[in-house]
Structure formats: C-alpha cells, structure tokens
Amino acid sequence: MDRILGIDPGSRITGYGVVDSDRGHLQFVACGVVKTSVDLPFAYRLNEIFTGINEVIQLHGPTTAAVENVFLATNPGSALKLGQARGAAVVAAMQNNLEVNDYSAKQIKQAVAGYGQAGKKQIQHMVRVLLGLDGSPSSDAADALAVAICHANQFRI
C-alpha cells in the first residue's frame, strides 16, 4: 500500500489531498487547503505554504508526493508566483524524504475524468465518485485529490 500526497499549488490557496492506494483500490484519507495571509509579503506567504504542507506530511505520513506542474498563464507575474508556490510545496516534500512526481493539468484531468479538458465541476464530481465521498471537497482540495489519483493510476500502486 502507498499513501499519496497530492498537491495543487497556488500562491493564495494550495490544495492538498491524501489517498491510500493498494493495487488500484483507492481510499480517501484527508484533504484541505493551506491558505496564505494575503496581507503579508510574498516571501512570508511562501513560508506559510512550506509550513502548511510540512504539517500535512507530519500528520498523515504519505510515502510519496505528486504535484501539478505550473501551466503557462497569460500573466507572467502570476506564473512566476505560482512557480514559487509550487517550489515551496516541493521543498516541503523533499525535506521529508518524499519522492516528488510531476503531472500536467491535462494528464490529471485525463486520469480522473477521462477527458483532458474537463472543467473544475467535472473534476470535483469525479473525485467524489472515485473516492466514494458523501460530499464534494472544495475545488482546490478536489484538484489535489485528483493529482493523487492520477499518480495512483499512473503506477497502479
């Protein structure tokens, strides 16, 4: 059995999702978000992301991590901030000796919804169905769970 931490990086809200995978059978463990203080300078917000993901790792003990790659945004400043937020989350995983696996948004959507252009609502719905959840997680948490599901499907672990 493998415990997978999925991360959907964001400079304001970073989603996380933890699932157990045993030969293709998935079980929900936890999900949520790390919200940063928008009134703080950006460097402090990066530290909040690092600290938040580190706490999730300490609490849930994943054996591997999967992170969504940064997509090309129309605003270069936004893309840079997103990349830095992703870096803070990746460093938290690496500091805890987790292997980090990268997936594109298209790969994740394809793995979860069967369609590389699936919308946020479709992803939320499919995550809920695939994990047998009573309700839909927030879109950021659902995206992170989708990253974890994508990794589990990639390796059938």
N, C-alpha and C. Protein backbone atom coordinates (compact mmCIF):
# COMPACT_ATOMS: atom_id res chain seq x y z
N MET A 1 0.85 -1.19 0.00
CA MET A 1 0.00 0.00 0.00
C MET A 1 0.89 1.24 0.00
N ASP A 2 0.43 2.25 -0.72
CA ASP A 2 1.15 3.51 -0.81
C ASP A 2 0.21 4.63 -0.36
N ARG A 3 0.73 5.57 0.40
CA ARG A 3 -0.04 6.74 0.79
C ARG A 3 0.49 7.92 -0.01
N ILE A 4 -0.39 8.50 -0.81
CA ILE A 4 0.00 9.53 -1.77
C ILE A 4 -0.53 10.90 -1.33
N LEU A 5 0.37 11.87 -1.32
CA LEU A 5 0.01 13.27 -1.07
C LEU A 5 -0.07 13.97 -2.42
N GLY A 6 -1.24 14.44 -2.78
CA GLY A 6 -1.42 15.23 -3.99
C GLY A 6 -1.43 16.70 -3.62
N ILE A 7 -0.75 17.51 -4.43
CA ILE A 7 -0.65 18.94 -4.16
C ILE A 7 -1.05 19.74 -5.38
N ASP A 8 -1.98 20.69 -5.18
CA ASP A 8 -2.39 21.63 -6.21
C ASP A 8 -1.89 23.00 -5.76
N PRO A 9 -0.71 23.42 -6.26
CA PRO A 9 -0.10 24.65 -5.74
C PRO A 9 -0.84 25.92 -6.16
N GLY A 10 -0.83 26.89 -5.27
CA GLY A 10 -1.38 28.20 -5.53
C GLY A 10 -0.74 29.20 -4.59
N SER A 11 -0.60 30.43 -5.03
CA SER A 11 0.06 31.43 -4.18
C SER A 11 -0.86 31.92 -3.06
N ARG A 12 -2.16 31.81 -3.25
CA ARG A 12 -3.13 32.19 -2.20
C ARG A 12 -3.68 30.97 -1.48
N ILE A 13 -4.03 29.95 -2.27
CA ILE A 13 -4.58 28.71 -1.71
C ILE A 13 -3.88 27.52 -2.36
N THR A 14 -3.26 26.69 -1.54
CA THR A 14 -2.64 25.46 -2.02
C THR A 14 -3.48 24.30 -1.51
N GLY A 15 -3.99 23.51 -2.44
CA GLY A 15 -4.80 22.35 -2.06
C GLY A 15 -3.93 21.14 -1.79
N TYR A 16 -4.41 20.31 -0.86
CA TYR A 16 -3.73 19.03 -0.63
C TYR A 16 -4.78 17.93 -0.49
N GLY A 17 -4.38 16.74 -0.89
CA GLY A 17 -5.24 15.57 -0.78
C GLY A 17 -4.39 14.35 -0.51
N VAL A 18 -4.84 13.52 0.39
CA VAL A 18 -4.10 12.30 0.74
C VAL A 18 -5.01 11.10 0.49
N VAL A 19 -4.49 10.14 -0.27
CA VAL A 19 -5.22 8.90 -0.53
C VAL A 19 -4.30 7.71 -0.32
N ASP A 20 -4.89 6.61 0.10
CA ASP A 20 -4.18 5.34 0.15
C ASP A 20 -4.50 4.58 -1.12
N SER A 21 -3.49 3.95 -1.70
CA SER A 21 -3.68 3.18 -2.92
C SER A 21 -3.06 1.81 -2.74
N ASP A 22 -3.87 0.80 -3.00
CA ASP A 22 -3.40 -0.58 -2.90
C ASP A 22 -3.85 -1.33 -4.14
N ARG A 23 -2.94 -1.51 -5.07
CA ARG A 23 -3.22 -2.20 -6.33
C ARG A 23 -4.46 -1.67 -7.04
N GLY A 24 -4.55 -0.36 -7.14
CA GLY A 24 -5.66 0.25 -7.86
C GLY A 24 -6.87 0.58 -7.01
N HIS A 25 -6.93 0.05 -5.79
CA HIS A 25 -8.04 0.40 -4.89
C HIS A 25 -7.67 1.66 -4.13
N LEU A 26 -8.51 2.69 -4.25
CA LEU A 26 -8.23 3.98 -3.62
C LEU A 26 -9.10 4.18 -2.38
N GLN A 27 -8.48 4.77 -1.36
CA GLN A 27 -9.23 5.12 -0.16
C GLN A 27 -8.85 6.53 0.27
N PHE A 28 -9.87 7.35 0.50
CA PHE A 28 -9.68 8.72 0.96
C PHE A 28 -9.10 8.72 2.37
N VAL A 29 -8.11 9.60 2.59
CA VAL A 29 -7.53 9.79 3.93
C VAL A 29 -7.86 11.19 4.44
N ALA A 30 -7.51 12.22 3.65
CA ALA A 30 -7.73 13.60 4.09
C ALA A 30 -7.59 14.55 2.91
N CYS A 31 -8.16 15.74 3.07
CA CYS A 31 -7.93 16.80 2.09
C CYS A 31 -8.20 18.14 2.75
N GLY A 32 -7.72 19.18 2.13
CA GLY A 32 -7.93 20.52 2.65
C GLY A 32 -7.10 21.52 1.87
N VAL A 33 -6.93 22.68 2.46
CA VAL A 33 -6.16 23.74 1.81
C VAL A 33 -5.25 24.42 2.82
N VAL A 34 -4.17 24.96 2.28
CA VAL A 34 -3.29 25.85 3.03
C VAL A 34 -3.55 27.23 2.48
N LYS A 35 -4.16 28.09 3.29
CA LYS A 35 -4.45 29.47 2.86
C LYS A 35 -3.34 30.38 3.37
N THR A 36 -2.88 31.25 2.49
CA THR A 36 -1.85 32.20 2.90
C THR A 36 -2.48 33.53 3.27
N SER A 37 -1.76 34.28 4.06
CA SER A 37 -2.21 35.61 4.50
C SER A 37 -1.88 36.63 3.42
N VAL A 38 -2.90 37.05 2.67
CA VAL A 38 -2.66 37.94 1.53
C VAL A 38 -2.11 39.30 1.94
N ASP A 39 -2.23 39.65 3.21
CA ASP A 39 -1.71 40.94 3.67
C ASP A 39 -0.21 40.87 3.98
N LEU A 40 0.37 39.67 3.97
CA LEU A 40 1.80 39.52 4.24
C LEU A 40 2.61 39.62 2.96
N PRO A 41 3.88 40.02 3.07
CA PRO A 41 4.76 39.99 1.89
C PRO A 41 4.85 38.57 1.32
N PHE A 42 5.12 38.48 0.04
CA PHE A 42 5.07 37.20 -0.66
C PHE A 42 6.01 36.16 -0.05
N ALA A 43 7.20 36.56 0.37
CA ALA A 43 8.16 35.61 0.95
C ALA A 43 7.56 34.93 2.18
N TYR A 44 6.80 35.65 2.98
CA TYR A 44 6.17 35.06 4.16
C TYR A 44 5.07 34.08 3.76
N ARG A 45 4.39 34.40 2.67
CA ARG A 45 3.33 33.50 2.18
C ARG A 45 3.93 32.19 1.68
N LEU A 46 5.11 32.27 1.06
CA LEU A 46 5.79 31.05 0.62
C LEU A 46 6.14 30.19 1.84
N ASN A 47 6.56 30.84 2.91
CA ASN A 47 6.87 30.11 4.14
C ASN A 47 5.62 29.46 4.72
N GLU A 48 4.47 30.14 4.60
CA GLU A 48 3.21 29.55 5.08
C GLU A 48 2.87 28.29 4.29
N ILE A 49 3.12 28.31 2.99
CA ILE A 49 2.87 27.13 2.16
C ILE A 49 3.80 26.00 2.60
N PHE A 50 5.08 26.30 2.73
CA PHE A 50 6.05 25.30 3.17
C PHE A 50 5.64 24.69 4.52
N THR A 51 5.32 25.55 5.47
CA THR A 51 4.96 25.10 6.82
C THR A 51 3.67 24.28 6.79
N GLY A 52 2.68 24.74 6.03
CA GLY A 52 1.40 24.03 5.95
C GLY A 52 1.55 22.64 5.36
N ILE A 53 2.28 22.53 4.25
CA ILE A 53 2.47 21.22 3.61
C ILE A 53 3.31 20.32 4.53
N ASN A 54 4.28 20.89 5.19
CA ASN A 54 5.09 20.13 6.13
C ASN A 54 4.21 19.54 7.25
N GLU A 55 3.28 20.33 7.76
CA GLU A 55 2.37 19.85 8.81
C GLU A 55 1.48 18.73 8.30
N VAL A 56 1.00 18.85 7.07
CA VAL A 56 0.17 17.79 6.47
C VAL A 56 0.98 16.50 6.38
N ILE A 57 2.23 16.60 5.96
CA ILE A 57 3.09 15.43 5.83
C ILE A 57 3.32 14.79 7.20
N GLN A 58 3.60 15.61 8.20
CA GLN A 58 3.83 15.08 9.55
C GLN A 58 2.58 14.39 10.09
N LEU A 59 1.42 14.95 9.81
CA LEU A 59 0.16 14.42 10.33
C LEU A 59 -0.26 13.12 9.65
N HIS A 60 -0.11 13.05 8.33
CA HIS A 60 -0.67 11.94 7.57
C HIS A 60 0.35 10.92 7.06
N GLY A 61 1.63 11.24 7.13
CA GLY A 61 2.67 10.27 6.78
C GLY A 61 2.61 9.69 5.38
N PRO A 62 2.50 10.52 4.34
CA PRO A 62 2.49 9.96 2.99
C PRO A 62 3.85 9.32 2.67
N THR A 63 3.83 8.38 1.71
CA THR A 63 5.06 7.73 1.28
C THR A 63 5.59 8.31 -0.02
N THR A 64 4.75 9.08 -0.72
CA THR A 64 5.16 9.72 -1.96
C THR A 64 4.30 10.96 -2.19
N ALA A 65 4.79 11.86 -3.04
CA ALA A 65 4.04 13.08 -3.34
C ALA A 65 3.88 13.24 -4.84
N ALA A 66 2.79 13.86 -5.23
CA ALA A 66 2.52 14.17 -6.64
C ALA A 66 2.06 15.62 -6.70
N VAL A 67 2.62 16.37 -7.64
CA VAL A 67 2.36 17.80 -7.72
C VAL A 67 1.99 18.18 -9.14
N GLU A 68 1.01 19.08 -9.24
CA GLU A 68 0.64 19.58 -10.57
C GLU A 68 1.72 20.54 -11.06
N ASN A 69 2.12 20.36 -12.32
CA ASN A 69 3.08 21.27 -12.94
C ASN A 69 2.46 22.64 -13.14
N VAL A 70 3.31 23.64 -13.18
CA VAL A 70 2.86 25.00 -13.45
C VAL A 70 2.47 25.10 -14.92
N PHE A 71 1.30 25.67 -15.17
CA PHE A 71 0.86 25.88 -16.54
C PHE A 71 1.27 27.28 -16.96
N LEU A 72 1.27 27.53 -18.24
CA LEU A 72 1.64 28.83 -18.75
C LEU A 72 0.46 29.78 -18.63
N ALA A 73 0.57 30.74 -17.73
CA ALA A 73 -0.52 31.70 -17.53
C ALA A 73 -0.35 32.87 -18.49
N THR A 74 -1.43 33.61 -18.73
CA THR A 74 -1.34 34.77 -19.61
C THR A 74 -0.57 35.90 -18.93
N ASN A 75 -0.57 35.91 -17.60
CA ASN A 75 0.15 36.92 -16.85
C ASN A 75 1.46 36.34 -16.34
N PRO A 76 2.61 36.81 -16.86
CA PRO A 76 3.90 36.25 -16.44
C PRO A 76 4.15 36.38 -14.93
N GLY A 77 3.68 37.47 -14.32
CA GLY A 77 3.84 37.64 -12.88
C GLY A 77 3.12 36.57 -12.09
N SER A 78 1.92 36.22 -12.54
CA SER A 78 1.15 35.16 -11.88
C SER A 78 1.84 33.82 -12.04
N ALA A 79 2.37 33.56 -13.22
CA ALA A 79 3.07 32.29 -13.47
C ALA A 79 4.30 32.18 -12.57
N LEU A 80 5.02 33.28 -12.38
CA LEU A 80 6.20 33.26 -11.51
C LEU A 80 5.81 32.98 -10.07
N LYS A 81 4.76 33.63 -9.59
CA LYS A 81 4.30 33.39 -8.22
C LYS A 81 3.84 31.96 -8.03
N LEU A 82 3.11 31.44 -9.01
CA LEU A 82 2.64 30.07 -8.94
C LEU A 82 3.82 29.09 -8.90
N GLY A 83 4.83 29.37 -9.70
CA GLY A 83 6.02 28.53 -9.71
C GLY A 83 6.74 28.54 -8.37
N GLN A 84 6.78 29.70 -7.74
CA GLN A 84 7.42 29.79 -6.44
C GLN A 84 6.60 29.07 -5.37
N ALA A 85 5.29 29.17 -5.44
CA ALA A 85 4.42 28.46 -4.50
C ALA A 85 4.60 26.96 -4.67
N ARG A 86 4.68 26.52 -5.92
CA ARG A 86 4.92 25.11 -6.20
C ARG A 86 6.26 24.68 -5.61
N GLY A 87 7.26 25.52 -5.76
CA GLY A 87 8.59 25.22 -5.22
C GLY A 87 8.58 25.06 -3.72
N ALA A 88 7.83 25.91 -3.02
CA ALA A 88 7.74 25.82 -1.56
C ALA A 88 7.13 24.48 -1.15
N ALA A 89 6.09 24.05 -1.87
CA ALA A 89 5.45 22.77 -1.56
C ALA A 89 6.37 21.60 -1.88
N VAL A 90 7.09 21.68 -2.99
CA VAL A 90 8.02 20.61 -3.38
C VAL A 90 9.14 20.49 -2.36
N VAL A 91 9.68 21.62 -1.90
CA VAL A 91 10.75 21.58 -0.91
C VAL A 91 10.26 20.95 0.39
N ALA A 92 9.03 21.25 0.79
CA ALA A 92 8.47 20.62 2.00
C ALA A 92 8.45 19.11 1.83
N ALA A 93 8.03 18.63 0.66
CA ALA A 93 8.00 17.19 0.40
C ALA A 93 9.41 16.61 0.41
N MET A 94 10.33 17.28 -0.25
CA MET A 94 11.70 16.79 -0.32
C MET A 94 12.37 16.78 1.05
N GLN A 95 12.09 17.77 1.87
CA GLN A 95 12.66 17.83 3.22
C GLN A 95 12.18 16.67 4.09
N ASN A 96 11.06 16.08 3.70
CA ASN A 96 10.51 14.93 4.42
C ASN A 96 10.81 13.61 3.70
N ASN A 97 11.79 13.67 2.80
CA ASN A 97 12.28 12.48 2.08
C ASN A 97 11.22 11.80 1.22
N LEU A 98 10.29 12.60 0.67
CA LEU A 98 9.29 12.04 -0.24
C LEU A 98 9.78 12.19 -1.68
N GLU A 99 9.52 11.16 -2.47
CA GLU A 99 9.74 11.26 -3.90
C GLU A 99 8.65 12.18 -4.45
N VAL A 100 9.01 13.09 -5.33
CA VAL A 100 8.03 14.02 -5.90
C VAL A 100 7.84 13.70 -7.38
N ASN A 101 6.58 13.52 -7.76
CA ASN A 101 6.21 13.20 -9.14
C ASN A 101 5.40 14.36 -9.71
N ASP A 102 5.70 14.73 -10.94
CA ASP A 102 5.06 15.88 -11.59
C ASP A 102 4.08 15.43 -12.66
N TYR A 103 2.92 16.10 -12.69
CA TYR A 103 1.91 15.80 -13.69
C TYR A 103 1.33 17.10 -14.25
N SER A 104 1.05 17.09 -15.55
CA SER A 104 0.42 18.26 -16.18
C SER A 104 -1.08 18.25 -15.86
N ALA A 105 -1.68 19.40 -15.99
CA ALA A 105 -3.12 19.52 -15.76
C ALA A 105 -3.88 18.57 -16.70
N LYS A 106 -3.43 18.46 -17.93
CA LYS A 106 -4.09 17.59 -18.91
C LYS A 106 -4.00 16.12 -18.48
N GLN A 107 -2.83 15.68 -17.99
CA GLN A 107 -2.67 14.30 -17.52
C GLN A 107 -3.61 14.01 -16.36
N ILE A 108 -3.71 14.97 -15.45
CA ILE A 108 -4.55 14.80 -14.26
C ILE A 108 -6.02 14.69 -14.65
N LYS A 109 -6.47 15.60 -15.50
CA LYS A 109 -7.86 15.59 -15.94
C LYS A 109 -8.19 14.31 -16.70
N GLN A 110 -7.27 13.86 -17.53
CA GLN A 110 -7.45 12.63 -18.30
C GLN A 110 -7.58 11.44 -17.36
N ALA A 111 -6.75 11.39 -16.32
CA ALA A 111 -6.76 10.26 -15.38
C ALA A 111 -8.03 10.20 -14.55
N VAL A 112 -8.58 11.35 -14.23
CA VAL A 112 -9.72 11.41 -13.31
C VAL A 112 -11.06 11.44 -14.06
N ALA A 113 -11.13 12.24 -15.11
CA ALA A 113 -12.39 12.43 -15.82
C ALA A 113 -12.42 11.76 -17.19
N GLY A 114 -11.27 11.27 -17.66
CA GLY A 114 -11.22 10.65 -18.98
C GLY A 114 -11.20 11.65 -20.11
N TYR A 115 -11.02 12.92 -19.76
CA TYR A 115 -11.05 13.99 -20.75
C TYR A 115 -10.08 15.08 -20.31
N GLY A 116 -9.08 15.37 -21.14
CA GLY A 116 -8.02 16.31 -20.79
C GLY A 116 -8.43 17.76 -20.66
N GLN A 117 -9.67 18.07 -21.07
CA GLN A 117 -10.15 19.46 -20.98
C GLN A 117 -11.29 19.59 -19.97
N ALA A 118 -11.41 18.62 -19.06
CA ALA A 118 -12.51 18.63 -18.08
C ALA A 118 -12.48 19.89 -17.23
N GLY A 119 -13.66 20.36 -16.86
CA GLY A 119 -13.78 21.56 -16.04
C GLY A 119 -13.69 21.24 -14.55
N LYS A 120 -13.60 22.29 -13.74
CA LYS A 120 -13.47 22.14 -12.28
C LYS A 120 -14.62 21.33 -11.68
N LYS A 121 -15.84 21.60 -12.11
CA LYS A 121 -17.01 20.89 -11.57
C LYS A 121 -16.95 19.40 -11.91
N GLN A 122 -16.50 19.08 -13.13
CA GLN A 122 -16.37 17.68 -13.53
C GLN A 122 -15.33 16.98 -12.66
N ILE A 123 -14.22 17.65 -12.40
CA ILE A 123 -13.16 17.07 -11.57
C ILE A 123 -13.68 16.84 -10.15
N GLN A 124 -14.36 17.83 -9.59
CA GLN A 124 -14.93 17.68 -8.24
C GLN A 124 -15.87 16.47 -8.18
N HIS A 125 -16.73 16.36 -9.18
CA HIS A 125 -17.69 15.26 -9.21
C HIS A 125 -16.99 13.91 -9.31
N MET A 126 -16.03 13.79 -10.22
CA MET A 126 -15.34 12.51 -10.42
C MET A 126 -14.51 12.12 -9.20
N VAL A 127 -13.89 13.10 -8.54
CA VAL A 127 -13.13 12.81 -7.32
C VAL A 127 -14.07 12.25 -6.26
N ARG A 128 -15.22 12.88 -6.14
CA ARG A 128 -16.22 12.42 -5.16
C ARG A 128 -16.66 10.98 -5.47
N VAL A 129 -16.92 10.70 -6.73
CA VAL A 129 -17.36 9.36 -7.15
C VAL A 129 -16.24 8.34 -6.95
N LEU A 130 -15.03 8.65 -7.43
CA LEU A 130 -13.92 7.70 -7.37
C LEU A 130 -13.52 7.36 -5.93
N LEU A 131 -13.68 8.31 -5.02
CA LEU A 131 -13.28 8.08 -3.63
C LEU A 131 -14.47 7.75 -2.72
N GLY A 132 -15.67 7.74 -3.29
CA GLY A 132 -16.86 7.40 -2.52
C GLY A 132 -17.16 8.38 -1.40
N LEU A 133 -16.96 9.66 -1.68
CA LEU A 133 -17.19 10.70 -0.67
C LEU A 133 -18.67 11.09 -0.62
N ASP A 134 -19.13 11.46 0.56
CA ASP A 134 -20.52 11.89 0.72
C ASP A 134 -20.77 13.25 0.10
N GLY A 135 -19.78 14.13 0.17
CA GLY A 135 -19.92 15.47 -0.39
C GLY A 135 -18.72 15.81 -1.24
N SER A 136 -18.81 16.94 -1.94
CA SER A 136 -17.71 17.37 -2.79
C SER A 136 -16.74 18.23 -1.99
N PRO A 137 -15.44 17.93 -2.09
CA PRO A 137 -14.46 18.80 -1.45
C PRO A 137 -14.39 20.13 -2.20
N SER A 138 -13.77 21.14 -1.61
CA SER A 138 -13.58 22.42 -2.30
C SER A 138 -12.81 22.16 -3.59
N SER A 139 -12.89 23.08 -4.54
CA SER A 139 -12.25 22.84 -5.84
C SER A 139 -10.74 22.67 -5.69
N ASP A 140 -10.09 23.41 -4.79
CA ASP A 140 -8.64 23.29 -4.60
C ASP A 140 -8.29 21.94 -3.99
N ALA A 141 -9.05 21.49 -3.01
CA ALA A 141 -8.82 20.18 -2.39
C ALA A 141 -9.12 19.06 -3.39
N ALA A 142 -10.19 19.22 -4.18
CA ALA A 142 -10.54 18.22 -5.19
C ALA A 142 -9.44 18.11 -6.24
N ASP A 143 -8.89 19.24 -6.65
CA ASP A 143 -7.79 19.23 -7.61
C ASP A 143 -6.59 18.48 -7.05
N ALA A 144 -6.29 18.68 -5.77
CA ALA A 144 -5.17 17.98 -5.14
C ALA A 144 -5.43 16.48 -5.05
N LEU A 145 -6.66 16.12 -4.70
CA LEU A 145 -7.02 14.69 -4.68
C LEU A 145 -6.90 14.10 -6.08
N ALA A 146 -7.26 14.88 -7.09
CA ALA A 146 -7.13 14.42 -8.48
C ALA A 146 -5.68 14.15 -8.84
N VAL A 147 -4.77 14.98 -8.34
CA VAL A 147 -3.33 14.77 -8.58
C VAL A 147 -2.91 13.43 -7.97
N ALA A 148 -3.36 13.17 -6.74
CA ALA A 148 -3.02 11.91 -6.07
C ALA A 148 -3.60 10.72 -6.82
N ILE A 149 -4.85 10.84 -7.27
CA ILE A 149 -5.49 9.76 -8.03
C ILE A 149 -4.74 9.51 -9.33
N CYS A 150 -4.32 10.59 -10.00
CA CYS A 150 -3.56 10.47 -11.24
C CYS A 150 -2.29 9.66 -10.99
N HIS A 151 -1.58 9.97 -9.91
CA HIS A 151 -0.35 9.24 -9.59
C HIS A 151 -0.65 7.77 -9.33
N ALA A 152 -1.68 7.51 -8.57
CA ALA A 152 -2.05 6.12 -8.27
C ALA A 152 -2.38 5.36 -9.56
N ASN A 153 -3.09 5.99 -10.47
CA ASN A 153 -3.45 5.35 -11.74
C ASN A 153 -2.24 5.16 -12.64
N GLN A 154 -1.31 6.09 -12.56
CA GLN A 154 -0.11 6.05 -13.40
C GLN A 154 0.70 4.79 -13.10
N PHE A 155 0.79 4.44 -11.83
CA PHE A 155 1.65 3.34 -11.42
C PHE A 155 0.88 2.13 -10.91
N ARG A 156 -0.47 2.24 -10.84
CA ARG A 156 -1.32 1.17 -10.33
C ARG A 156 -0.78 0.64 -9.00
N ILE A 157 -0.54 1.61 -8.09
CA ILE A 157 0.01 1.24 -6.79
C ILE A 157 -1.07 1.16 -5.75
